[in-house]
Amino acid sequence: MIIALENAKYELQNFRNDVKELGNALRIDELKNEVAELEKKTFEPEFWSDQDNSTKTLQKIKQMKDKIEKYEALKGKLEDTIMMTEMAIEENDESLTEEILHDKEEIQKNIYYMIKLNFEDTEDIFERITPLFINDNKTFKNKIDSLIKKIGPDYVNIIESDLGLLEELI
């Protein structure tokens, strides 16, 4: 069982690259900087004098923060699972093996399904699909398979042309 944990740790560590690429595609670092700049503006007295502009800016800040939080949640789940795996290995605790393998599978399949869908508009897709990351792997796979069955083998092109179809997954 310890070998299974060692293998899981290796695979989970490799997922860091996929999650990092996703962060780059979503421009997470740029978003964080932009949020900080926009929040600074909210402290300026003249900011509040233009109600329409201040409302739009606050909405923009919220949307960017939501995107950052969703990405960080995925990244956090990965890092938590890696830490739990390392602790189990260090303490020779095989009782966590099943949970770790389940979490690893869930993370892996969710990442690979997202990559498999191969969408151009990564930001919009991530915002719409992220709630699925809280589902277990089987639920996620069933929802994707059901959508693919419904719209056919050309599902990638169809979904790219009508992102509303993703709402069925959530």
C-alpha atoms as a PDB file:
ATOM      1  CA  MET A   1       0.000   0.000   0.000  1.00  0.00           C
ATOM      2  CA  ILE A   2       2.873   2.383   0.659  1.00  0.00           C
ATOM      3  CA  ILE A   3       3.924   1.850  -2.954  1.00  0.00           C
ATOM      4  CA  ALA A   4       0.449   2.998  -4.029  1.00  0.00           C
ATOM      5  CA  LEU A   5       0.895   6.132  -1.905  1.00  0.00           C
ATOM      6  CA  GLU A   6       4.329   6.797  -3.409  1.00  0.00           C
ATOM      7  CA  ASN A   7       2.868   6.448  -6.908  1.00  0.00           C
ATOM      8  CA  ALA A   8      -0.038   8.732  -6.014  1.00  0.00           C
ATOM      9  CA  LYS A   9       2.372  11.334  -4.638  1.00  0.00           C
ATOM     10  CA  TYR A  10       4.386  11.258  -7.864  1.00  0.00           C
ATOM     11  CA  GLU A  11       1.276  11.653 -10.025  1.00  0.00           C
ATOM     12  CA  LEU A  12      -0.172  14.403  -7.849  1.00  0.00           C
ATOM     13  CA  GLN A  13       3.080  16.339  -8.026  1.00  0.00           C
ATOM     14  CA  ASN A  14       2.919  16.078 -11.817  1.00  0.00           C
ATOM     15  CA  PHE A  15      -0.587  17.591 -11.749  1.00  0.00           C
ATOM     16  CA  ARG A  16       0.994  20.782 -10.452  1.00  0.00           C
ATOM     17  CA  ASN A  17       2.160  21.516 -14.015  1.00  0.00           C
ATOM     18  CA  ASP A  18      -1.367  21.169 -15.397  1.00  0.00           C
ATOM     19  CA  VAL A  19      -2.790  23.438 -12.721  1.00  0.00           C
ATOM     20  CA  LYS A  20       0.044  25.921 -13.279  1.00  0.00           C
ATOM     21  CA  GLU A  21      -0.726  25.989 -17.024  1.00  0.00           C
ATOM     22  CA  LEU A  22      -4.363  26.629 -16.204  1.00  0.00           C
ATOM     23  CA  GLY A  23      -3.305  29.507 -13.947  1.00  0.00           C
ATOM     24  CA  ASN A  24      -1.242  30.949 -16.786  1.00  0.00           C
ATOM     25  CA  ALA A  25      -4.135  30.608 -19.230  1.00  0.00           C
ATOM     26  CA  LEU A  26      -6.412  32.385 -16.755  1.00  0.00           C
ATOM     27  CA  ARG A  27      -3.745  35.035 -16.110  1.00  0.00           C
ATOM     28  CA  ILE A  28      -4.182  34.609 -12.346  1.00  0.00           C
ATOM     29  CA  ASP A  29      -1.129  36.708 -11.415  1.00  0.00           C
ATOM     30  CA  GLU A  30      -2.251  39.527 -13.704  1.00  0.00           C
ATOM     31  CA  LEU A  31      -5.753  39.361 -12.235  1.00  0.00           C
ATOM     32  CA  LYS A  32      -4.388  39.622  -8.702  1.00  0.00           C
ATOM     33  CA  ASN A  33      -2.414  42.728  -9.657  1.00  0.00           C
ATOM     34  CA  GLU A  34      -5.400  44.252 -11.427  1.00  0.00           C
ATOM     35  CA  VAL A  35      -7.639  43.608  -8.416  1.00  0.00           C
ATOM     36  CA  ALA A  36      -5.090  45.306  -6.156  1.00  0.00           C
ATOM     37  CA  GLU A  37      -4.938  48.347  -8.440  1.00  0.00           C
ATOM     38  CA  LEU A  38      -8.706  48.628  -8.730  1.00  0.00           C
ATOM     39  CA  GLU A  39      -9.124  48.252  -4.970  1.00  0.00           C
ATOM     40  CA  LYS A  40      -6.652  51.117  -4.452  1.00  0.00           C
ATOM     41  CA  LYS A  41      -8.876  53.290  -6.639  1.00  0.00           C
ATOM     42  CA  THR A  42     -11.860  52.596  -4.393  1.00  0.00           C
ATOM     43  CA  PHE A  43     -10.089  54.489  -1.594  1.00  0.00           C
ATOM     44  CA  GLU A  44      -9.879  57.650  -3.686  1.00  0.00           C
ATOM     45  CA  PRO A  45     -12.678  60.128  -2.823  1.00  0.00           C
ATOM     46  CA  GLU A  46     -13.491  60.911  -6.456  1.00  0.00           C
ATOM     47  CA  PHE A  47     -14.052  57.218  -7.179  1.00  0.00           C
ATOM     48  CA  TRP A  48     -17.439  57.292  -5.458  1.00  0.00           C
ATOM     49  CA  SER A  49     -18.615  60.463  -7.200  1.00  0.00           C
ATOM     50  CA  ASP A  50     -19.304  58.548 -10.428  1.00  0.00           C
ATOM     51  CA  GLN A  51     -21.833  55.957  -9.325  1.00  0.00           C
ATOM     52  CA  ASP A  52     -22.076  54.112 -12.652  1.00  0.00           C
ATOM     53  CA  ASN A  53     -18.314  53.752 -12.947  1.00  0.00           C
ATOM     54  CA  SER A  54     -17.871  52.756  -9.299  1.00  0.00           C
ATOM     55  CA  THR A  55     -20.582  50.088  -9.624  1.00  0.00           C
ATOM     56  CA  LYS A  56     -18.989  48.650 -12.774  1.00  0.00           C
ATOM     57  CA  THR A  57     -15.575  48.657 -11.132  1.00  0.00           C
ATOM     58  CA  LEU A  58     -16.857  46.873  -8.023  1.00  0.00           C
ATOM     59  CA  GLN A  59     -18.566  44.257 -10.209  1.00  0.00           C
ATOM     60  CA  LYS A  60     -15.346  43.763 -12.143  1.00  0.00           C
ATOM     61  CA  ILE A  61     -13.391  43.332  -8.900  1.00  0.00           C
ATOM     62  CA  LYS A  62     -15.892  40.735  -7.700  1.00  0.00           C
ATOM     63  CA  GLN A  63     -15.737  38.766 -10.958  1.00  0.00           C
ATOM     64  CA  MET A  64     -11.953  38.732 -10.925  1.00  0.00           C
ATOM     65  CA  LYS A  65     -11.846  37.714  -7.253  1.00  0.00           C
ATOM     66  CA  ASP A  66     -14.327  34.906  -7.939  1.00  0.00           C
ATOM     67  CA  LYS A  67     -12.142  33.582 -10.752  1.00  0.00           C
ATOM     68  CA  ILE A  68      -9.047  33.753  -8.561  1.00  0.00           C
ATOM     69  CA  GLU A  69     -10.836  31.991  -5.695  1.00  0.00           C
ATOM     70  CA  LYS A  70     -12.047  29.175  -7.945  1.00  0.00           C
ATOM     71  CA  TYR A  71      -8.562  28.610  -9.297  1.00  0.00           C
ATOM     72  CA  GLU A  72      -7.068  28.749  -5.812  1.00  0.00           C
ATOM     73  CA  ALA A  73      -9.651  26.195  -4.602  1.00  0.00           C
ATOM     74  CA  LEU A  74      -8.574  23.728  -7.296  1.00  0.00           C
ATOM     75  CA  LYS A  75      -4.930  24.368  -6.556  1.00  0.00           C
ATOM     76  CA  GLY A  76      -5.615  24.042  -2.817  1.00  0.00           C
ATOM     77  CA  LYS A  77      -7.359  20.696  -3.249  1.00  0.00           C
ATOM     78  CA  LEU A  78      -4.342  19.417  -5.130  1.00  0.00           C
ATOM     79  CA  GLU A  79      -1.869  20.710  -2.540  1.00  0.00           C
ATOM     80  CA  ASP A  80      -3.943  19.349   0.369  1.00  0.00           C
ATOM     81  CA  THR A  81      -4.018  15.924  -1.230  1.00  0.00           C
ATOM     82  CA  ILE A  82      -0.255  16.014  -1.808  1.00  0.00           C
ATOM     83  CA  MET A  83       0.311  16.982   1.834  1.00  0.00           C
ATOM     84  CA  MET A  84      -1.993  14.240   3.090  1.00  0.00           C
ATOM     85  CA  THR A  85      -0.117  11.741   0.908  1.00  0.00           C
ATOM     86  CA  GLU A  86       3.262  12.851   2.201  1.00  0.00           C
ATOM     87  CA  MET A  87       2.053  12.595   5.805  1.00  0.00           C
ATOM     88  CA  ALA A  88       0.639   9.112   5.209  1.00  0.00           C
ATOM     89  CA  ILE A  89       3.928   7.966   3.692  1.00  0.00           C
ATOM     90  CA  GLU A  90       5.999   9.530   6.467  1.00  0.00           C
ATOM     91  CA  GLU A  91       3.868   7.951   9.192  1.00  0.00           C
ATOM     92  CA  ASN A  92       3.510   4.663   7.300  1.00  0.00           C
ATOM     93  CA  ASP A  93      -0.274   5.136   7.610  1.00  0.00           C
ATOM     94  CA  GLU A  94      -1.991   2.965   5.048  1.00  0.00           C
ATOM     95  CA  SER A  95      -5.460   3.808   6.396  1.00  0.00           C
ATOM     96  CA  LEU A  96      -5.543   6.934   4.209  1.00  0.00           C
ATOM     97  CA  THR A  97      -4.655   5.107   0.994  1.00  0.00           C
ATOM     98  CA  GLU A  98      -8.216   4.699  -0.260  1.00  0.00           C
ATOM     99  CA  GLU A  99      -9.134   8.346   0.384  1.00  0.00           C
ATOM    100  CA  ILE A 100      -5.926   9.614  -1.215  1.00  0.00           C
ATOM    101  CA  LEU A 101      -6.341   7.433  -4.287  1.00  0.00           C
ATOM    102  CA  HIS A 102      -9.951   8.583  -4.623  1.00  0.00           C
ATOM    103  CA  ASP A 103      -8.928  12.256  -4.357  1.00  0.00           C
ATOM    104  CA  LYS A 104      -6.063  11.750  -6.814  1.00  0.00           C
ATOM    105  CA  GLU A 105      -8.391  10.098  -9.311  1.00  0.00           C
ATOM    106  CA  GLU A 106     -10.957  12.859  -8.883  1.00  0.00           C
ATOM    107  CA  ILE A 107      -8.384  15.607  -9.431  1.00  0.00           C
ATOM    108  CA  GLN A 108      -6.803  13.783 -12.363  1.00  0.00           C
ATOM    109  CA  LYS A 109     -10.009  13.073 -14.200  1.00  0.00           C
ATOM    110  CA  ASN A 110     -11.353  16.586 -13.671  1.00  0.00           C
ATOM    111  CA  ILE A 111      -8.135  18.119 -15.009  1.00  0.00           C
ATOM    112  CA  TYR A 112      -7.985  15.744 -17.967  1.00  0.00           C
ATOM    113  CA  TYR A 113     -11.639  16.187 -18.876  1.00  0.00           C
ATOM    114  CA  MET A 114     -11.131  19.920 -18.895  1.00  0.00           C
ATOM    115  CA  ILE A 115      -8.065  19.546 -21.098  1.00  0.00           C
ATOM    116  CA  LYS A 116      -9.853  17.019 -23.316  1.00  0.00           C
ATOM    117  CA  LEU A 117     -12.646  19.483 -23.986  1.00  0.00           C
ATOM    118  CA  ASN A 118      -9.972  21.709 -25.531  1.00  0.00           C
ATOM    119  CA  PHE A 119     -11.867  24.992 -25.380  1.00  0.00           C
ATOM    120  CA  GLU A 120     -10.534  28.226 -26.810  1.00  0.00           C
ATOM    121  CA  ASP A 121     -12.228  30.460 -24.262  1.00  0.00           C
ATOM    122  CA  THR A 122     -10.506  28.989 -21.212  1.00  0.00           C
ATOM    123  CA  GLU A 123     -11.637  31.723 -18.841  1.00  0.00           C
ATOM    124  CA  ASP A 124     -15.341  31.323 -19.598  1.00  0.00           C
ATOM    125  CA  ILE A 125     -15.118  27.546 -19.538  1.00  0.00           C
ATOM    126  CA  PHE A 126     -13.286  27.563 -16.207  1.00  0.00           C
ATOM    127  CA  GLU A 127     -15.884  29.849 -14.678  1.00  0.00           C
ATOM    128  CA  ARG A 128     -18.692  27.602 -15.829  1.00  0.00           C
ATOM    129  CA  ILE A 129     -17.071  24.225 -15.147  1.00  0.00           C
ATOM    130  CA  THR A 130     -15.351  24.950 -11.835  1.00  0.00           C
ATOM    131  CA  PRO A 131     -18.396  23.991  -9.738  1.00  0.00           C
ATOM    132  CA  LEU A 132     -18.006  20.499 -11.165  1.00  0.00           C
ATOM    133  CA  PHE A 133     -14.677  20.144  -9.374  1.00  0.00           C
ATOM    134  CA  ILE A 134     -16.569  19.722  -6.133  1.00  0.00           C
ATOM    135  CA  ASN A 135     -18.366  16.698  -7.588  1.00  0.00           C
ATOM    136  CA  ASP A 136     -16.796  13.325  -7.272  1.00  0.00           C
ATOM    137  CA  ASN A 137     -15.163  11.868 -10.353  1.00  0.00           C
ATOM    138  CA  LYS A 138     -18.077   9.575 -11.226  1.00  0.00           C
ATOM    139  CA  THR A 139     -20.630  12.413 -11.102  1.00  0.00           C
ATOM    140  CA  PHE A 140     -18.379  14.628 -13.231  1.00  0.00           C
ATOM    141  CA  LYS A 141     -17.764  11.869 -15.792  1.00  0.00           C
ATOM    142  CA  ASN A 142     -21.461  10.996 -15.960  1.00  0.00           C
ATOM    143  CA  LYS A 143     -22.419  14.616 -16.615  1.00  0.00           C
ATOM    144  CA  ILE A 144     -19.805  14.992 -19.350  1.00  0.00           C
ATOM    145  CA  ASP A 145     -20.729  11.645 -20.938  1.00  0.00           C
ATOM    146  CA  SER A 146     -24.419  12.536 -20.851  1.00  0.00           C
ATOM    147  CA  LEU A 147     -23.758  15.859 -22.582  1.00  0.00           C
ATOM    148  CA  ILE A 148     -21.549  14.201 -25.210  1.00  0.00           C
ATOM    149  CA  LYS A 149     -24.211  11.553 -25.855  1.00  0.00           C
ATOM    150  CA  LYS A 150     -26.841  14.265 -26.226  1.00  0.00           C
ATOM    151  CA  ILE A 151     -24.953  16.452 -28.711  1.00  0.00           C
ATOM    152  CA  GLY A 152     -22.854  13.873 -30.557  1.00  0.00           C
ATOM    153  CA  PRO A 153     -19.236  13.257 -31.490  1.00  0.00           C
ATOM    154  CA  ASP A 154     -18.639  16.839 -32.634  1.00  0.00           C
ATOM    155  CA  TYR A 155     -19.303  18.014 -29.073  1.00  0.00           C
ATOM    156  CA  VAL A 156     -16.204  20.225 -28.792  1.00  0.00           C
ATOM    157  CA  ASN A 157     -17.166  22.416 -31.762  1.00  0.00           C
ATOM    158  CA  ILE A 158     -20.808  22.494 -30.721  1.00  0.00           C
ATOM    159  CA  ILE A 159     -20.008  23.514 -27.137  1.00  0.00           C
ATOM    160  CA  GLU A 160     -17.491  26.114 -28.313  1.00  0.00           C
ATOM    161  CA  SER A 161     -20.204  27.695 -30.449  1.00  0.00           C
ATOM    162  CA  ASP A 162     -22.826  27.534 -27.664  1.00  0.00           C
ATOM    163  CA  LEU A 163     -21.272  27.815 -24.207  1.00  0.00           C
ATOM    164  CA  GLY A 164     -24.760  27.749 -22.712  1.00  0.00           C
ATOM    165  CA  LEU A 165     -24.680  23.966 -23.102  1.00  0.00           C
ATOM    166  CA  LEU A 166     -22.231  23.859 -20.207  1.00  0.00           C
ATOM    167  CA  GLU A 167     -24.951  25.029 -17.868  1.00  0.00           C
ATOM    168  CA  GLU A 168     -26.353  21.496 -18.127  1.00  0.00           C
ATOM    169  CA  LEU A 169     -23.203  20.209 -16.467  1.00  0.00           C
ATOM    170  CA  ILE A 170     -23.603  22.306 -13.350  1.00  0.00           C
END
